[in-house]
Amino acid sequence: MDRAMSSPERVRVVLAQRRGARIVRTRVEVQEQTEVGDAMIRGLVRAQLWLAVRLAVLAAGVLCAVPVVLLSFPAVSEATVLGIRLPWVVLGALVYPVLLTTGWVYIRQAERNEQEFTELVDD
């Protein structure tokens, strides 16, 4: 009890509070094309490429499935819609919505990737 009253409690003094190992200035890293900035840009390009490849494979799979179905089931290829055989209707009319939808999804996802990259750089 006597000791607690006689000596004050020790206080640790630091120049600055550090929350992480170092503060990364990502915008400067990207603008100056340092290794960190280069890695971040490569990551964005890789994400965009992976998105394009996935959607291209999906669209090609859907479009290639049409002839496979028509060859597998000859009765389907003989069917008519408004006097036009079904394969021509599918190839002439239904392919375009698939391609437009794929393009729309790609643009939305690519913009999302770019927005996430911008938010990462601005932090």
C-alpha atoms as a PDB file:
ATOM      1  CA  MET A   1       0.000   0.000   0.000  1.00  0.00           C
ATOM      2  CA  ASP A   2       2.821   2.359   0.777  1.00  0.00           C
ATOM      3  CA  ARG A   3       4.516   1.581  -2.534  1.00  0.00           C
ATOM      4  CA  ALA A   4       1.385   2.348  -4.624  1.00  0.00           C
ATOM      5  CA  MET A   5       1.109   5.812  -3.107  1.00  0.00           C
ATOM      6  CA  SER A   6       4.753   6.712  -3.424  1.00  0.00           C
ATOM      7  CA  SER A   7       5.476   5.914  -7.106  1.00  0.00           C
ATOM      8  CA  PRO A   8       3.245   7.004  -9.990  1.00  0.00           C
ATOM      9  CA  GLU A   9       2.120   4.463 -12.548  1.00  0.00           C
ATOM     10  CA  ARG A  10       4.375   4.150 -15.591  1.00  0.00           C
ATOM     11  CA  VAL A  11       2.995   5.477 -18.867  1.00  0.00           C
ATOM     12  CA  ARG A  12       4.299   4.401 -22.234  1.00  0.00           C
ATOM     13  CA  VAL A  13       4.834   7.299 -24.647  1.00  0.00           C
ATOM     14  CA  VAL A  14       4.783   6.671 -28.390  1.00  0.00           C
ATOM     15  CA  LEU A  15       5.179   9.126 -31.244  1.00  0.00           C
ATOM     16  CA  ALA A  16       2.279   7.828 -33.312  1.00  0.00           C
ATOM     17  CA  GLN A  17      -0.252   5.077 -33.121  1.00  0.00           C
ATOM     18  CA  ARG A  18       0.353   2.473 -35.833  1.00  0.00           C
ATOM     19  CA  ARG A  19      -2.576   0.377 -36.904  1.00  0.00           C
ATOM     20  CA  GLY A  20      -0.864  -1.711 -39.538  1.00  0.00           C
ATOM     21  CA  ALA A  21       2.601  -2.600 -40.689  1.00  0.00           C
ATOM     22  CA  ARG A  22       2.609   0.396 -43.029  1.00  0.00           C
ATOM     23  CA  ILE A  23       0.170   2.723 -44.690  1.00  0.00           C
ATOM     24  CA  VAL A  24      -0.146   1.926 -48.369  1.00  0.00           C
ATOM     25  CA  ARG A  25      -0.913   4.858 -50.633  1.00  0.00           C
ATOM     26  CA  THR A  26      -2.533   2.852 -53.363  1.00  0.00           C
ATOM     27  CA  ARG A  27      -3.409   5.738 -55.666  1.00  0.00           C
ATOM     28  CA  VAL A  28       0.227   6.837 -55.765  1.00  0.00           C
ATOM     29  CA  GLU A  29       1.302   3.224 -56.233  1.00  0.00           C
ATOM     30  CA  VAL A  30      -0.940   2.899 -59.313  1.00  0.00           C
ATOM     31  CA  GLN A  31      -0.019   6.281 -60.785  1.00  0.00           C
ATOM     32  CA  GLU A  32       3.702   5.752 -60.361  1.00  0.00           C
ATOM     33  CA  GLN A  33       3.429   2.180 -61.656  1.00  0.00           C
ATOM     34  CA  THR A  34       5.313   0.655 -58.763  1.00  0.00           C
ATOM     35  CA  GLU A  35       5.317  -3.092 -58.119  1.00  0.00           C
ATOM     36  CA  VAL A  36       2.249  -2.817 -55.894  1.00  0.00           C
ATOM     37  CA  GLY A  37       0.370  -0.680 -58.424  1.00  0.00           C
ATOM     38  CA  ASP A  38       1.378  -2.999 -61.256  1.00  0.00           C
ATOM     39  CA  ALA A  39       0.118  -6.000 -59.289  1.00  0.00           C
ATOM     40  CA  MET A  40      -3.193  -4.248 -58.626  1.00  0.00           C
ATOM     41  CA  ILE A  41      -3.677  -3.426 -62.313  1.00  0.00           C
ATOM     42  CA  ARG A  42      -2.763  -6.992 -63.291  1.00  0.00           C
ATOM     43  CA  GLY A  43      -5.401  -8.200 -60.828  1.00  0.00           C
ATOM     44  CA  LEU A  44      -8.049  -5.997 -62.456  1.00  0.00           C
ATOM     45  CA  VAL A  45      -7.077  -7.170 -65.945  1.00  0.00           C
ATOM     46  CA  ARG A  46      -7.122 -10.794 -64.761  1.00  0.00           C
ATOM     47  CA  ALA A  47     -10.596 -10.344 -63.247  1.00  0.00           C
ATOM     48  CA  GLN A  48     -11.908  -8.777 -66.458  1.00  0.00           C
ATOM     49  CA  LEU A  49     -10.366 -11.526 -68.593  1.00  0.00           C
ATOM     50  CA  TRP A  50     -11.761 -14.280 -66.363  1.00  0.00           C
ATOM     51  CA  LEU A  51     -15.215 -12.688 -66.579  1.00  0.00           C
ATOM     52  CA  ALA A  52     -15.016 -12.510 -70.378  1.00  0.00           C
ATOM     53  CA  VAL A  53     -13.873 -16.132 -70.666  1.00  0.00           C
ATOM     54  CA  ARG A  54     -16.635 -17.417 -68.374  1.00  0.00           C
ATOM     55  CA  LEU A  55     -19.377 -15.576 -70.225  1.00  0.00           C
ATOM     56  CA  ALA A  56     -17.988 -16.572 -73.639  1.00  0.00           C
ATOM     57  CA  VAL A  57     -17.948 -20.237 -72.613  1.00  0.00           C
ATOM     58  CA  LEU A  58     -21.475 -19.943 -71.251  1.00  0.00           C
ATOM     59  CA  ALA A  59     -22.798 -18.291 -74.421  1.00  0.00           C
ATOM     60  CA  ALA A  60     -20.969 -20.762 -76.665  1.00  0.00           C
ATOM     61  CA  GLY A  61     -22.345 -23.653 -74.626  1.00  0.00           C
ATOM     62  CA  VAL A  62     -25.902 -22.403 -74.937  1.00  0.00           C
ATOM     63  CA  LEU A  63     -25.566 -21.702 -78.660  1.00  0.00           C
ATOM     64  CA  CYS A  64     -23.825 -25.016 -79.377  1.00  0.00           C
ATOM     65  CA  ALA A  65     -26.525 -26.888 -77.503  1.00  0.00           C
ATOM     66  CA  VAL A  66     -29.102 -25.869 -80.134  1.00  0.00           C
ATOM     67  CA  PRO A  67     -27.655 -27.977 -82.987  1.00  0.00           C
ATOM     68  CA  VAL A  68     -26.986 -30.864 -80.608  1.00  0.00           C
ATOM     69  CA  VAL A  69     -30.618 -30.885 -79.488  1.00  0.00           C
ATOM     70  CA  LEU A  70     -31.851 -30.616 -83.075  1.00  0.00           C
ATOM     71  CA  LEU A  71     -29.621 -33.496 -84.208  1.00  0.00           C
ATOM     72  CA  SER A  72     -30.532 -35.632 -81.188  1.00  0.00           C
ATOM     73  CA  PHE A  73     -34.263 -35.172 -81.651  1.00  0.00           C
ATOM     74  CA  PRO A  74     -35.161 -35.113 -85.369  1.00  0.00           C
ATOM     75  CA  ALA A  75     -38.827 -34.558 -84.579  1.00  0.00           C
ATOM     76  CA  VAL A  76     -37.954 -31.193 -83.017  1.00  0.00           C
ATOM     77  CA  SER A  77     -36.084 -30.099 -86.133  1.00  0.00           C
ATOM     78  CA  GLU A  78     -39.132 -30.961 -88.268  1.00  0.00           C
ATOM     79  CA  ALA A  79     -41.518 -28.859 -86.170  1.00  0.00           C
ATOM     80  CA  THR A  80     -42.766 -25.573 -87.608  1.00  0.00           C
ATOM     81  CA  VAL A  81     -43.690 -22.247 -86.060  1.00  0.00           C
ATOM     82  CA  LEU A  82     -45.876 -19.963 -88.199  1.00  0.00           C
ATOM     83  CA  GLY A  83     -44.905 -21.997 -91.254  1.00  0.00           C
ATOM     84  CA  ILE A  84     -41.155 -21.717 -90.557  1.00  0.00           C
ATOM     85  CA  ARG A  85     -39.112 -24.700 -89.425  1.00  0.00           C
ATOM     86  CA  LEU A  86     -38.025 -24.514 -85.794  1.00  0.00           C
ATOM     87  CA  PRO A  87     -34.222 -24.500 -86.411  1.00  0.00           C
ATOM     88  CA  TRP A  88     -34.571 -21.326 -88.474  1.00  0.00           C
ATOM     89  CA  VAL A  89     -36.714 -19.681 -85.825  1.00  0.00           C
ATOM     90  CA  VAL A  90     -34.166 -20.529 -83.139  1.00  0.00           C
ATOM     91  CA  LEU A  91     -31.171 -19.405 -85.208  1.00  0.00           C
ATOM     92  CA  GLY A  92     -32.892 -16.326 -86.583  1.00  0.00           C
ATOM     93  CA  ALA A  93     -34.670 -15.006 -83.530  1.00  0.00           C
ATOM     94  CA  LEU A  94     -33.691 -16.665 -80.274  1.00  0.00           C
ATOM     95  CA  VAL A  95     -29.913 -16.336 -80.638  1.00  0.00           C
ATOM     96  CA  TYR A  96     -29.980 -12.545 -80.382  1.00  0.00           C
ATOM     97  CA  PRO A  97     -31.575 -12.331 -76.927  1.00  0.00           C
ATOM     98  CA  VAL A  98     -28.931 -14.775 -75.656  1.00  0.00           C
ATOM     99  CA  LEU A  99     -26.140 -12.607 -77.056  1.00  0.00           C
ATOM    100  CA  LEU A 100     -27.691  -9.365 -75.833  1.00  0.00           C
ATOM    101  CA  THR A 101     -28.193 -10.788 -72.350  1.00  0.00           C
ATOM    102  CA  THR A 102     -24.600 -12.033 -72.267  1.00  0.00           C
ATOM    103  CA  GLY A 103     -23.354  -8.576 -73.290  1.00  0.00           C
ATOM    104  CA  TRP A 104     -25.538  -6.865 -70.697  1.00  0.00           C
ATOM    105  CA  VAL A 105     -24.277  -9.164 -67.926  1.00  0.00           C
ATOM    106  CA  TYR A 106     -20.675  -8.619 -69.029  1.00  0.00           C
ATOM    107  CA  ILE A 107     -20.990  -4.830 -68.942  1.00  0.00           C
ATOM    108  CA  ARG A 108     -22.602  -4.828 -65.501  1.00  0.00           C
ATOM    109  CA  GLN A 109     -20.014  -7.206 -64.024  1.00  0.00           C
ATOM    110  CA  ALA A 110     -17.080  -5.383 -65.675  1.00  0.00           C
ATOM    111  CA  GLU A 111     -18.311  -2.061 -64.297  1.00  0.00           C
ATOM    112  CA  ARG A 112     -18.636  -3.665 -60.863  1.00  0.00           C
ATOM    113  CA  ASN A 113     -15.037  -4.919 -61.085  1.00  0.00           C
ATOM    114  CA  GLU A 114     -13.846  -1.444 -62.064  1.00  0.00           C
ATOM    115  CA  GLN A 115     -15.850   0.148 -59.250  1.00  0.00           C
ATOM    116  CA  GLU A 116     -14.314  -2.214 -56.695  1.00  0.00           C
ATOM    117  CA  PHE A 117     -10.854  -1.421 -58.086  1.00  0.00           C
ATOM    118  CA  THR A 118     -11.547   2.316 -57.829  1.00  0.00           C
ATOM    119  CA  GLU A 119     -12.752   1.948 -54.231  1.00  0.00           C
ATOM    120  CA  LEU A 120      -9.625  -0.059 -53.401  1.00  0.00           C
ATOM    121  CA  VAL A 121      -7.379   2.599 -54.937  1.00  0.00           C
ATOM    122  CA  ASP A 122      -9.217   5.476 -53.258  1.00  0.00           C
ATOM    123  CA  ASP A 123      -8.943   3.965 -49.768  1.00  0.00           C
END
